[in-house]
Structures are given as structure tokens and as C-alpha cells.
């Protein structure tokens, strides 16, 4: 008996707002990214490369979860939120109200988990 693999896929995105162009914190040389722990390592590497190509610019990356990153963006503590889920309707509205522009979500990858079961395993479903 053949079982199809189960795939759990998370869409990994960065949520950008007008604050990236008009840094609400007043530190033109610092970009703050917070959110998805899934994206923290890759965001850190991208930040390192960005800083190398843009001398004088520092990129601070921290995890804490998608919800924390989105909340930090809404509260003006970061310029970019990374998330492994879609924005909720309420979050979109709060971001639009805070920055007077719609959030822009940029898909940067897919994360997945595949589960394979041996054909000799007596699973029924």
C-alpha cells in the first residue's frame, strides 16, 4: 500500500511598510527585522550581506515569532516583520492605519515537513 507524503508548508514572508523608506525611529543607518524564528538565520545572513554592500548600515535581526514581529512593526519598533504565516485581516488594517499605506508582503521561501511511512507499517489512515 502506498501512502502519499504529508507536506506541511509555511509561507515565509517579509512584511514591508512605508516605514522602511521613512524610518520612524530616526536611525537612518539601522534596519530592524523581527519575527519568525524560521526566518531568523536567513534574515541575519541577508542583513550581513546588505550591510557589507551598504557601508554604515546595520541590520539587527531578532526572532520571537511571527506575531511578535508583526506587533513590533505595528508599534513602530521595527522596519520589517518576518512571518511564517499570512497577515490576519486585523493586522493588515492596523498596519495600514499606522503607516497610511497597505503592507507589502514579499514571499521569500517555503518551508515544509514531509512525513513518509514504511509500506510495512499497518496504518489505516
Protein backbone atom coordinates (compact mmCIF):
# COMPACT_ATOMS: atom_id res chain seq x y z
CA UNK A 1 0.00 0.00 0.00
CA UNK A 2 1.37 3.40 -0.98
CA UNK A 3 0.74 6.50 1.14
CA UNK A 4 1.28 9.98 -0.22
CA UNK A 5 3.68 12.06 1.86
CA UNK A 6 2.10 14.71 4.05
CA UNK A 7 3.55 18.13 3.45
CA UNK A 8 3.15 20.96 5.90
CA UNK A 9 4.11 24.17 4.16
CA UNK A 10 4.60 27.58 5.71
CA UNK A 11 4.85 30.63 3.50
CA UNK A 12 7.77 32.70 4.67
CA UNK A 13 7.37 36.40 4.06
CA UNK A 14 8.75 39.77 4.95
CA UNK A 15 6.17 42.46 5.63
CA UNK A 16 7.36 45.85 4.49
CA UNK A 17 5.77 49.21 5.08
CA UNK A 18 6.43 52.81 4.30
CA UNK A 19 8.49 52.94 7.49
CA UNK A 20 11.39 51.29 5.66
CA UNK A 21 11.68 54.36 3.45
CA UNK A 22 10.90 56.77 6.26
CA UNK A 23 12.49 55.20 9.32
CA UNK A 24 10.09 56.01 12.16
CA UNK A 25 12.88 55.55 14.70
CA UNK A 26 15.08 58.23 13.18
CA UNK A 27 18.10 55.93 12.77
CA UNK A 28 18.74 56.02 9.02
CA UNK A 29 21.68 53.65 9.38
CA UNK A 30 19.81 50.88 11.25
CA UNK A 31 17.22 48.48 9.85
CA UNK A 32 15.42 46.31 12.41
CA UNK A 33 13.84 42.97 11.48
CA UNK A 34 11.83 40.92 13.97
CA UNK A 35 9.57 37.92 13.74
CA UNK A 36 9.59 34.35 12.57
CA UNK A 37 12.21 32.13 14.18
CA UNK A 38 12.07 30.09 10.96
CA UNK A 39 13.43 33.09 9.05
CA UNK A 40 15.87 34.41 11.65
CA UNK A 41 19.01 32.71 10.30
CA UNK A 42 18.37 33.58 6.68
CA UNK A 43 17.36 37.16 7.58
CA UNK A 44 20.56 37.51 9.60
CA UNK A 45 22.64 36.38 6.61
CA UNK A 46 20.78 38.72 4.24
CA UNK A 47 21.32 41.55 6.72
CA UNK A 48 25.04 40.81 6.89
CA UNK A 49 25.31 40.89 3.10
CA UNK A 50 23.20 44.07 2.88
CA UNK A 51 25.43 45.78 5.46
CA UNK A 52 28.54 44.78 3.50
CA UNK A 53 27.11 46.29 0.30
CA UNK A 54 25.85 49.40 2.13
CA UNK A 55 28.64 50.54 4.46
CA UNK A 56 27.36 52.36 7.51
CA UNK A 57 24.07 50.49 7.53
CA UNK A 58 23.46 47.94 10.26
CA UNK A 59 20.73 45.32 10.15
CA UNK A 60 19.51 43.97 13.50
CA UNK A 61 17.61 40.67 13.31
CA UNK A 62 15.69 39.01 16.12
CA UNK A 63 13.19 36.18 16.31
CA UNK A 64 10.39 35.74 18.80
CA UNK A 65 7.69 34.51 16.46
CA UNK A 66 5.60 35.87 13.61
CA UNK A 67 3.05 37.52 15.89
CA UNK A 68 5.73 39.34 17.85
CA UNK A 69 7.32 40.63 14.66
CA UNK A 70 4.01 41.87 13.30
CA UNK A 71 3.20 43.55 16.64
CA UNK A 72 6.64 45.20 16.68
CA UNK A 73 6.02 46.53 13.18
CA UNK A 74 2.59 47.86 14.12
CA UNK A 75 4.05 49.51 17.24
CA UNK A 76 6.85 51.15 15.24
CA UNK A 77 9.70 49.21 16.87
CA UNK A 78 10.97 47.63 13.62
CA UNK A 79 11.02 48.42 9.92
CA UNK A 80 10.48 44.84 8.70
CA UNK A 81 8.49 41.94 10.17
CA UNK A 82 9.24 38.39 9.11
CA UNK A 83 6.41 35.90 9.32
CA UNK A 84 5.75 32.27 8.53
CA UNK A 85 2.02 32.89 8.20
CA UNK A 86 -0.29 35.24 6.35
CA UNK A 87 -1.28 38.51 7.92
CA UNK A 88 -4.64 38.47 9.64
CA UNK A 89 -7.27 40.95 8.49
CA UNK A 90 -6.98 42.94 11.73
CA UNK A 91 -3.17 43.11 11.39
CA UNK A 92 -3.47 44.43 7.82
CA UNK A 93 -5.89 47.12 9.00
CA UNK A 94 -3.64 48.16 11.91
CA UNK A 95 -0.59 48.38 9.64
CA UNK A 96 -2.50 50.42 7.08
CA UNK A 97 -3.78 52.77 9.78
CA UNK A 98 -0.33 53.18 11.37
CA UNK A 99 1.60 53.85 8.15
CA UNK A 100 -1.15 55.17 5.89
CA UNK A 101 -0.24 52.54 3.31
CA UNK A 102 -1.04 48.90 2.72
CA UNK A 103 1.54 46.39 3.92
CA UNK A 104 3.56 44.70 1.23
CA UNK A 105 4.25 41.01 1.77
CA UNK A 106 7.17 39.56 -0.16
CA UNK A 107 7.36 35.76 -0.30
CA UNK A 108 10.94 34.74 0.29
CA UNK A 109 10.62 30.97 0.60
CA UNK A 110 8.64 27.92 1.51
CA UNK A 111 9.26 25.70 4.49
CA UNK A 112 7.93 22.17 4.57
CA UNK A 113 7.88 18.95 6.53
CA UNK A 114 7.35 15.64 4.78
CA UNK A 115 6.28 12.50 6.61
CA UNK A 116 6.93 9.13 4.99
CA UNK A 117 5.60 5.85 6.35
CA UNK A 118 7.13 2.48 5.62
CA UNK A 119 4.89 0.27 3.45
CA UNK A 120 5.08 -2.45 6.14
CA UNK A 121 3.61 -0.14 8.80
CA UNK A 122 -0.01 -1.21 9.46
CA UNK A 123 -1.53 2.28 9.40
CA UNK A 124 -5.12 2.53 8.21
CA UNK A 125 -5.19 6.24 7.61
